[in-house]
């Protein structure tokens, strides 16, 4: 069994023409830092996939200030308009290629974070508040996960 942690970015600036460049607000930075501290206390993150959007990168930076995963990749498949099926296939491929990594973190956006949970745990589609983390236990043999909990900042 692997642990998959799916995290939405912290609170971001208001919508603007260039959605990808929206930064975290001061509250968003605090949320990300608080969740980074919680993650450090409960999990050893071995690997991470992070959206290329500024707010997701900033969220990941706060989390990584508490622990440094061995494998980190910026992943364009987990942007807001991305395909959850494509992202899930890619994640499953990475998990099979890196059996040494037990805990995977994905830092992304609504709505794809909800869709990712649903792909891995059919009929489970939680709504994420900013900086929330869904904890899943993933069975590599079945390609399915069990939704364990949702942690809020």
N, C-alpha and C. Protein backbone atom coordinates (compact mmCIF):
# COMPACT_ATOMS: atom_id res chain seq x y z
N UNK A 1 0.84 -1.19 0.00
CA UNK A 1 0.00 0.00 0.00
C UNK A 1 0.88 1.25 0.00
N UNK A 2 0.47 2.21 -0.75
CA UNK A 2 1.12 3.52 -0.79
C UNK A 2 0.15 4.55 -0.22
N UNK A 3 0.70 5.64 0.24
CA UNK A 3 -0.12 6.76 0.68
C UNK A 3 -0.04 7.84 -0.38
N UNK A 4 -1.20 8.34 -0.77
CA UNK A 4 -1.29 9.45 -1.71
C UNK A 4 -1.96 10.61 -0.98
N UNK A 5 -1.29 11.74 -0.98
CA UNK A 5 -1.80 12.95 -0.34
C UNK A 5 -2.12 13.94 -1.46
N UNK A 6 -3.38 14.33 -1.56
CA UNK A 6 -3.79 15.26 -2.61
C UNK A 6 -4.13 16.58 -1.93
N UNK A 7 -3.39 17.61 -2.28
CA UNK A 7 -3.51 18.91 -1.61
C UNK A 7 -3.91 20.01 -2.58
N UNK A 8 -4.86 20.81 -2.14
CA UNK A 8 -5.20 22.02 -2.90
C UNK A 8 -4.28 23.14 -2.42
N UNK A 9 -3.90 24.04 -3.30
CA UNK A 9 -3.06 25.18 -2.94
C UNK A 9 -3.75 26.05 -1.88
N UNK A 10 -2.97 26.87 -1.20
CA UNK A 10 -3.52 27.83 -0.24
C UNK A 10 -4.30 28.93 -0.93
N UNK A 11 -4.94 29.78 -0.12
CA UNK A 11 -5.74 30.87 -0.66
C UNK A 11 -4.89 31.73 -1.61
N UNK A 12 -5.48 32.05 -2.76
CA UNK A 12 -4.76 32.81 -3.79
C UNK A 12 -5.41 34.16 -4.03
N UNK A 13 -4.67 35.02 -4.71
CA UNK A 13 -5.18 36.33 -5.10
C UNK A 13 -6.43 36.15 -5.96
N UNK A 14 -7.21 37.23 -6.06
CA UNK A 14 -8.44 37.21 -6.85
C UNK A 14 -8.14 36.86 -8.31
N UNK A 15 -9.15 36.35 -8.98
CA UNK A 15 -9.03 35.96 -10.38
C UNK A 15 -8.50 37.12 -11.22
N UNK A 16 -7.65 36.79 -12.18
CA UNK A 16 -7.11 37.78 -13.10
C UNK A 16 -6.93 37.13 -14.47
N UNK A 17 -6.55 37.93 -15.43
CA UNK A 17 -6.43 37.44 -16.81
C UNK A 17 -5.49 36.26 -16.92
N UNK A 18 -4.35 36.32 -16.23
CA UNK A 18 -3.38 35.23 -16.29
C UNK A 18 -3.52 34.37 -15.03
N UNK A 19 -4.41 33.40 -15.09
CA UNK A 19 -4.69 32.56 -13.92
C UNK A 19 -3.45 31.86 -13.40
N UNK A 20 -2.56 31.45 -14.28
CA UNK A 20 -1.38 30.68 -13.87
C UNK A 20 -0.44 31.47 -12.96
N UNK A 21 -0.47 32.79 -13.04
CA UNK A 21 0.48 33.59 -12.26
C UNK A 21 -0.10 34.11 -10.95
N UNK A 22 -1.31 33.73 -10.61
CA UNK A 22 -1.89 34.18 -9.33
C UNK A 22 -1.06 33.64 -8.17
N UNK A 23 -0.69 34.53 -7.26
CA UNK A 23 0.12 34.15 -6.10
C UNK A 23 -0.75 33.90 -4.88
N UNK A 24 -0.15 33.30 -3.87
CA UNK A 24 -0.84 33.11 -2.59
C UNK A 24 -0.98 34.45 -1.87
N UNK A 25 -2.05 34.59 -1.12
CA UNK A 25 -2.20 35.72 -0.22
C UNK A 25 -1.41 35.41 1.05
N UNK A 26 -1.35 36.37 1.97
CA UNK A 26 -0.70 36.11 3.26
C UNK A 26 -1.39 34.96 3.99
N UNK A 27 -2.72 34.93 3.93
CA UNK A 27 -3.45 33.81 4.54
C UNK A 27 -3.09 32.50 3.85
N UNK A 28 -3.00 32.53 2.54
CA UNK A 28 -2.64 31.32 1.79
C UNK A 28 -1.27 30.79 2.16
N UNK A 29 -0.30 31.71 2.35
CA UNK A 29 1.03 31.29 2.79
C UNK A 29 0.97 30.65 4.17
N UNK A 30 0.17 31.23 5.07
CA UNK A 30 0.03 30.67 6.41
C UNK A 30 -0.64 29.30 6.35
N UNK A 31 -1.69 29.18 5.54
CA UNK A 31 -2.37 27.88 5.40
C UNK A 31 -1.39 26.81 4.92
N UNK A 32 -0.61 27.15 3.91
CA UNK A 32 0.34 26.18 3.35
C UNK A 32 1.40 25.81 4.39
N UNK A 33 1.87 26.78 5.12
CA UNK A 33 2.86 26.52 6.16
C UNK A 33 2.28 25.63 7.25
N UNK A 34 1.06 25.94 7.69
CA UNK A 34 0.40 25.13 8.72
C UNK A 34 0.23 23.68 8.25
N UNK A 35 -0.16 23.52 7.00
CA UNK A 35 -0.34 22.17 6.48
C UNK A 35 1.01 21.47 6.29
N UNK A 36 2.03 22.22 5.93
CA UNK A 36 3.37 21.63 5.85
C UNK A 36 3.81 21.08 7.19
N UNK A 37 3.51 21.82 8.24
CA UNK A 37 3.86 21.38 9.59
C UNK A 37 3.05 20.13 9.95
N UNK A 38 1.76 20.12 9.63
CA UNK A 38 0.92 18.95 9.91
C UNK A 38 1.43 17.74 9.13
N UNK A 39 1.75 17.93 7.87
CA UNK A 39 2.25 16.82 7.05
C UNK A 39 3.55 16.27 7.63
N UNK A 40 4.44 17.14 8.07
CA UNK A 40 5.70 16.69 8.66
C UNK A 40 5.46 15.81 9.89
N UNK A 41 4.46 16.17 10.67
CA UNK A 41 4.16 15.42 11.90
C UNK A 41 3.53 14.06 11.62
N UNK A 42 2.90 13.90 10.44
CA UNK A 42 2.14 12.67 10.17
C UNK A 42 2.67 11.80 9.04
N UNK A 43 3.49 12.36 8.15
CA UNK A 43 3.93 11.62 6.97
C UNK A 43 5.37 11.98 6.62
N UNK A 44 6.08 11.02 6.05
CA UNK A 44 7.37 11.29 5.41
C UNK A 44 7.09 11.27 3.90
N UNK A 45 7.07 12.43 3.31
CA UNK A 45 6.77 12.54 1.88
C UNK A 45 8.02 12.16 1.09
N UNK A 46 7.88 11.12 0.27
CA UNK A 46 9.00 10.64 -0.55
C UNK A 46 9.04 11.28 -1.93
N UNK A 47 7.86 11.60 -2.46
CA UNK A 47 7.78 12.08 -3.84
C UNK A 47 6.62 13.06 -3.97
N UNK A 48 6.76 14.00 -4.91
CA UNK A 48 5.72 15.00 -5.09
C UNK A 48 5.58 15.40 -6.55
N UNK A 49 4.33 15.65 -6.93
CA UNK A 49 4.00 16.25 -8.22
C UNK A 49 3.33 17.57 -7.91
N UNK A 50 3.77 18.63 -8.57
CA UNK A 50 3.27 19.97 -8.28
C UNK A 50 2.86 20.65 -9.58
N UNK A 51 1.69 21.26 -9.58
CA UNK A 51 1.25 22.05 -10.72
C UNK A 51 2.26 23.17 -10.99
N UNK A 52 2.41 23.56 -12.25
CA UNK A 52 3.34 24.65 -12.57
C UNK A 52 2.79 26.04 -12.20
N UNK A 53 1.53 26.15 -11.84
CA UNK A 53 0.95 27.45 -11.51
C UNK A 53 1.61 28.01 -10.25
N UNK A 54 1.78 29.31 -10.21
CA UNK A 54 2.51 29.99 -9.13
C UNK A 54 1.97 29.61 -7.75
N UNK A 55 0.66 29.64 -7.56
CA UNK A 55 0.09 29.39 -6.23
C UNK A 55 0.36 27.96 -5.75
N UNK A 56 0.40 27.00 -6.66
CA UNK A 56 0.72 25.62 -6.28
C UNK A 56 2.21 25.50 -5.95
N UNK A 57 3.05 26.15 -6.74
CA UNK A 57 4.50 26.13 -6.48
C UNK A 57 4.80 26.76 -5.12
N UNK A 58 4.13 27.87 -4.80
CA UNK A 58 4.33 28.53 -3.51
C UNK A 58 3.85 27.64 -2.36
N UNK A 59 2.74 26.95 -2.56
CA UNK A 59 2.23 26.03 -1.54
C UNK A 59 3.25 24.92 -1.29
N UNK A 60 3.75 24.34 -2.37
CA UNK A 60 4.74 23.27 -2.24
C UNK A 60 6.00 23.77 -1.53
N UNK A 61 6.44 24.98 -1.83
CA UNK A 61 7.63 25.54 -1.17
C UNK A 61 7.44 25.57 0.34
N UNK A 62 6.24 25.96 0.78
CA UNK A 62 5.97 26.00 2.22
C UNK A 62 6.01 24.59 2.82
N UNK A 63 5.41 23.63 2.13
CA UNK A 63 5.43 22.23 2.61
C UNK A 63 6.86 21.72 2.64
N UNK A 64 7.63 22.01 1.60
CA UNK A 64 9.01 21.50 1.51
C UNK A 64 9.96 22.20 2.46
N UNK A 65 9.52 23.29 3.09
CA UNK A 65 10.37 23.91 4.11
C UNK A 65 10.45 23.04 5.37
N UNK A 66 9.54 22.07 5.48
CA UNK A 66 9.53 21.15 6.63
C UNK A 66 10.16 19.80 6.30
N UNK A 67 10.10 19.40 5.05
CA UNK A 67 10.71 18.14 4.62
C UNK A 67 10.96 18.19 3.12
N UNK A 68 11.99 17.47 2.70
CA UNK A 68 12.40 17.50 1.30
C UNK A 68 12.21 16.13 0.66
N UNK A 69 11.18 16.00 -0.19
CA UNK A 69 11.01 14.73 -0.88
C UNK A 69 12.21 14.41 -1.77
N UNK A 70 12.45 13.11 -1.98
CA UNK A 70 13.56 12.68 -2.84
C UNK A 70 13.27 12.96 -4.31
N UNK A 71 12.00 12.92 -4.67
CA UNK A 71 11.58 13.08 -6.07
C UNK A 71 10.53 14.18 -6.12
N UNK A 72 10.78 15.23 -6.88
CA UNK A 72 9.81 16.31 -7.07
C UNK A 72 9.76 16.64 -8.55
N UNK A 73 8.55 16.73 -9.07
CA UNK A 73 8.38 17.05 -10.49
C UNK A 73 7.26 18.06 -10.65
N UNK A 74 7.48 19.05 -11.49
CA UNK A 74 6.42 19.95 -11.89
C UNK A 74 5.64 19.25 -12.99
N UNK A 75 4.33 19.17 -12.79
CA UNK A 75 3.48 18.34 -13.66
C UNK A 75 2.34 19.17 -14.26
N UNK A 76 2.40 19.38 -15.56
CA UNK A 76 1.37 20.17 -16.25
C UNK A 76 0.03 19.45 -16.35
N UNK A 77 -0.01 18.17 -16.01
CA UNK A 77 -1.28 17.42 -16.06
C UNK A 77 -2.22 17.78 -14.91
N UNK A 78 -1.72 18.46 -13.87
CA UNK A 78 -2.58 18.72 -12.71
C UNK A 78 -2.92 20.20 -12.55
N UNK A 79 -3.07 20.88 -13.67
CA UNK A 79 -3.57 22.26 -13.68
C UNK A 79 -5.10 22.20 -13.59
N UNK A 80 -5.78 23.33 -13.31
CA UNK A 80 -7.24 23.28 -13.13
C UNK A 80 -8.00 22.63 -14.28
N UNK A 81 -7.55 22.84 -15.50
CA UNK A 81 -8.25 22.29 -16.66
C UNK A 81 -7.72 20.93 -17.10
N UNK A 82 -6.81 20.36 -16.32
CA UNK A 82 -6.20 19.09 -16.68
C UNK A 82 -7.18 17.93 -16.63
N UNK A 83 -6.77 16.84 -17.23
CA UNK A 83 -7.56 15.61 -17.23
C UNK A 83 -7.17 14.75 -16.03
N UNK A 84 -8.13 14.48 -15.17
CA UNK A 84 -7.84 13.64 -13.99
C UNK A 84 -7.44 12.23 -14.42
N UNK A 85 -8.03 11.72 -15.49
CA UNK A 85 -7.67 10.38 -15.95
C UNK A 85 -6.22 10.33 -16.42
N UNK A 86 -5.81 11.34 -17.18
CA UNK A 86 -4.41 11.40 -17.64
C UNK A 86 -3.47 11.53 -16.45
N UNK A 87 -3.81 12.41 -15.51
CA UNK A 87 -2.96 12.62 -14.34
C UNK A 87 -2.87 11.37 -13.48
N UNK A 88 -3.98 10.67 -13.32
CA UNK A 88 -3.98 9.43 -12.54
C UNK A 88 -3.13 8.36 -13.22
N UNK A 89 -3.27 8.23 -14.53
CA UNK A 89 -2.44 7.27 -15.27
C UNK A 89 -0.96 7.58 -15.10
N UNK A 90 -0.61 8.86 -15.16
CA UNK A 90 0.78 9.27 -15.01
C UNK A 90 1.28 8.97 -13.59
N UNK A 91 0.47 9.30 -12.59
CA UNK A 91 0.83 9.02 -11.20
C UNK A 91 1.04 7.52 -10.99
N UNK A 92 0.14 6.71 -11.48
CA UNK A 92 0.26 5.26 -11.33
C UNK A 92 1.52 4.73 -12.01
N UNK A 93 1.86 5.30 -13.15
CA UNK A 93 3.10 4.91 -13.84
C UNK A 93 4.31 5.27 -12.99
N UNK A 94 4.32 6.48 -12.45
CA UNK A 94 5.44 6.89 -11.60
C UNK A 94 5.55 6.00 -10.36
N UNK A 95 4.43 5.68 -9.76
CA UNK A 95 4.44 4.81 -8.58
C UNK A 95 5.05 3.45 -8.93
N UNK A 96 4.69 2.90 -10.07
CA UNK A 96 5.25 1.60 -10.46
C UNK A 96 6.74 1.70 -10.81
N UNK A 97 7.17 2.85 -11.33
CA UNK A 97 8.57 3.04 -11.70
C UNK A 97 9.46 3.35 -10.49
N UNK A 98 8.84 3.80 -9.40
CA UNK A 98 9.59 4.20 -8.20
C UNK A 98 9.02 3.48 -6.97
N UNK A 99 9.19 2.17 -6.89
CA UNK A 99 8.61 1.42 -5.77
C UNK A 99 9.20 1.80 -4.41
N UNK A 100 10.35 2.47 -4.42
CA UNK A 100 10.97 2.87 -3.16
C UNK A 100 10.22 4.02 -2.48
N UNK A 101 9.38 4.73 -3.22
CA UNK A 101 8.63 5.86 -2.65
C UNK A 101 7.28 5.40 -2.14
N UNK A 102 7.07 5.56 -0.84
CA UNK A 102 5.85 5.08 -0.20
C UNK A 102 4.75 6.14 -0.11
N UNK A 103 5.15 7.40 0.00
CA UNK A 103 4.17 8.48 0.19
C UNK A 103 4.36 9.54 -0.89
N UNK A 104 3.27 9.79 -1.61
CA UNK A 104 3.26 10.72 -2.73
C UNK A 104 2.36 11.90 -2.41
N UNK A 105 2.83 13.12 -2.68
CA UNK A 105 2.05 14.34 -2.50
C UNK A 105 1.79 14.96 -3.87
N UNK A 106 0.54 15.35 -4.11
CA UNK A 106 0.18 16.11 -5.30
C UNK A 106 -0.35 17.46 -4.84
N UNK A 107 0.20 18.54 -5.37
CA UNK A 107 -0.26 19.89 -5.03
C UNK A 107 -0.87 20.48 -6.29
N UNK A 108 -2.19 20.73 -6.23
CA UNK A 108 -2.91 21.15 -7.43
C UNK A 108 -4.06 22.09 -7.07
N UNK A 109 -5.13 22.02 -7.84
CA UNK A 109 -6.21 23.01 -7.81
C UNK A 109 -7.57 22.33 -7.84
N UNK A 110 -8.60 23.12 -7.49
CA UNK A 110 -9.96 22.72 -7.80
C UNK A 110 -10.15 23.00 -9.29
N UNK A 111 -10.88 22.21 -10.03
CA UNK A 111 -11.61 21.03 -9.59
C UNK A 111 -10.81 19.73 -9.69
N UNK A 112 -9.59 19.79 -10.26
CA UNK A 112 -8.90 18.53 -10.54
C UNK A 112 -8.58 17.74 -9.28
N UNK A 113 -8.36 18.42 -8.14
CA UNK A 113 -8.09 17.65 -6.92
C UNK A 113 -9.27 16.74 -6.58
N UNK A 114 -10.48 17.25 -6.74
CA UNK A 114 -11.67 16.41 -6.48
C UNK A 114 -11.78 15.28 -7.49
N UNK A 115 -11.50 15.58 -8.75
CA UNK A 115 -11.58 14.57 -9.80
C UNK A 115 -10.52 13.48 -9.61
N UNK A 116 -9.34 13.87 -9.12
CA UNK A 116 -8.29 12.87 -8.85
C UNK A 116 -8.74 11.88 -7.78
N UNK A 117 -9.34 12.41 -6.71
CA UNK A 117 -9.84 11.51 -5.66
C UNK A 117 -10.88 10.57 -6.24
N UNK A 118 -11.77 11.10 -7.07
CA UNK A 118 -12.81 10.26 -7.66
C UNK A 118 -12.23 9.19 -8.59
N UNK A 119 -11.18 9.50 -9.33
CA UNK A 119 -10.54 8.51 -10.20
C UNK A 119 -9.94 7.37 -9.37
N UNK A 120 -9.34 7.72 -8.24
CA UNK A 120 -8.67 6.72 -7.41
C UNK A 120 -9.63 6.02 -6.45
N UNK A 121 -10.67 6.72 -6.02
CA UNK A 121 -11.68 6.19 -5.09
C UNK A 121 -13.04 6.44 -5.73
N UNK A 122 -13.48 5.58 -6.63
CA UNK A 122 -14.74 5.84 -7.34
C UNK A 122 -15.89 6.17 -6.38
N UNK A 123 -16.71 7.12 -6.81
CA UNK A 123 -17.87 7.60 -6.06
C UNK A 123 -17.50 8.41 -4.83
N UNK A 124 -16.25 8.90 -4.79
CA UNK A 124 -15.82 9.79 -3.71
C UNK A 124 -15.26 11.04 -4.36
N UNK A 125 -15.97 12.15 -4.20
CA UNK A 125 -15.51 13.39 -4.81
C UNK A 125 -15.67 14.53 -3.81
N UNK A 126 -14.72 14.66 -2.88
CA UNK A 126 -14.84 15.72 -1.88
C UNK A 126 -14.58 17.10 -2.47
N UNK A 127 -15.14 18.10 -1.82
CA UNK A 127 -14.84 19.49 -2.16
C UNK A 127 -13.70 19.92 -1.25
N UNK A 128 -12.67 20.49 -1.80
CA UNK A 128 -11.48 20.89 -1.05
C UNK A 128 -11.56 22.37 -0.69
N UNK A 129 -11.36 22.70 0.58
CA UNK A 129 -11.12 24.09 0.92
C UNK A 129 -9.66 24.39 0.60
N UNK A 130 -9.26 25.65 0.64
CA UNK A 130 -7.88 25.98 0.31
C UNK A 130 -6.93 25.33 1.30
N UNK A 131 -5.86 24.76 0.79
CA UNK A 131 -4.79 24.07 1.53
C UNK A 131 -5.24 22.77 2.19
N UNK A 132 -6.41 22.28 1.88
CA UNK A 132 -6.87 21.00 2.44
C UNK A 132 -6.08 19.84 1.81
N UNK A 133 -5.95 18.75 2.56
CA UNK A 133 -5.23 17.56 2.11
C UNK A 133 -6.14 16.34 2.27
N UNK A 134 -6.34 15.63 1.18
CA UNK A 134 -7.04 14.35 1.23
C UNK A 134 -5.99 13.25 1.38
N UNK A 135 -6.24 12.34 2.31
CA UNK A 135 -5.33 11.23 2.57
C UNK A 135 -5.96 9.97 1.99
N UNK A 136 -5.22 9.32 1.09
CA UNK A 136 -5.69 8.09 0.45
C UNK A 136 -4.68 6.98 0.68
N UNK A 137 -5.18 5.77 0.85
CA UNK A 137 -4.32 4.58 0.89
C UNK A 137 -4.52 3.86 -0.44
N UNK A 138 -3.45 3.74 -1.22
CA UNK A 138 -3.52 3.24 -2.59
C UNK A 138 -3.01 1.81 -2.68
N UNK A 139 -3.82 0.96 -3.29
CA UNK A 139 -3.46 -0.44 -3.51
C UNK A 139 -2.95 -0.57 -4.95
N UNK A 140 -1.66 -0.84 -5.08
CA UNK A 140 -1.06 -0.93 -6.42
C UNK A 140 -1.63 -2.07 -7.25
N UNK A 141 -2.01 -3.16 -6.60
CA UNK A 141 -2.52 -4.32 -7.34
C UNK A 141 -3.87 -4.04 -7.99
N UNK A 142 -4.74 -3.32 -7.28
CA UNK A 142 -6.07 -3.04 -7.82
C UNK A 142 -6.15 -1.72 -8.56
N UNK A 143 -5.17 -0.84 -8.32
CA UNK A 143 -5.22 0.49 -8.92
C UNK A 143 -6.30 1.36 -8.30
N UNK A 144 -6.74 1.00 -7.11
CA UNK A 144 -7.78 1.75 -6.41
C UNK A 144 -7.26 2.20 -5.05
N UNK A 145 -7.89 3.22 -4.52
CA UNK A 145 -7.49 3.75 -3.23
C UNK A 145 -8.70 3.82 -2.30
N UNK A 146 -8.41 3.91 -1.02
CA UNK A 146 -9.43 4.12 -0.02
C UNK A 146 -9.26 5.55 0.52
N UNK A 147 -10.36 6.29 0.55
CA UNK A 147 -10.33 7.64 1.11
C UNK A 147 -10.28 7.50 2.62
N UNK A 148 -9.22 8.03 3.24
CA UNK A 148 -9.03 7.90 4.69
C UNK A 148 -9.57 9.11 5.42
N UNK A 149 -9.14 10.30 5.00
CA UNK A 149 -9.57 11.51 5.71
C UNK A 149 -9.28 12.76 4.88
N UNK A 150 -9.83 13.86 5.36
CA UNK A 150 -9.55 15.17 4.79
C UNK A 150 -9.06 16.04 5.93
N UNK A 151 -7.87 16.60 5.78
CA UNK A 151 -7.31 17.49 6.81
C UNK A 151 -7.41 18.92 6.32
N UNK A 152 -7.94 19.79 7.17
CA UNK A 152 -8.09 21.20 6.84
C UNK A 152 -7.07 22.03 7.61
N UNK A 153 -6.67 23.17 7.04
CA UNK A 153 -5.70 24.01 7.77
C UNK A 153 -6.32 24.65 9.01
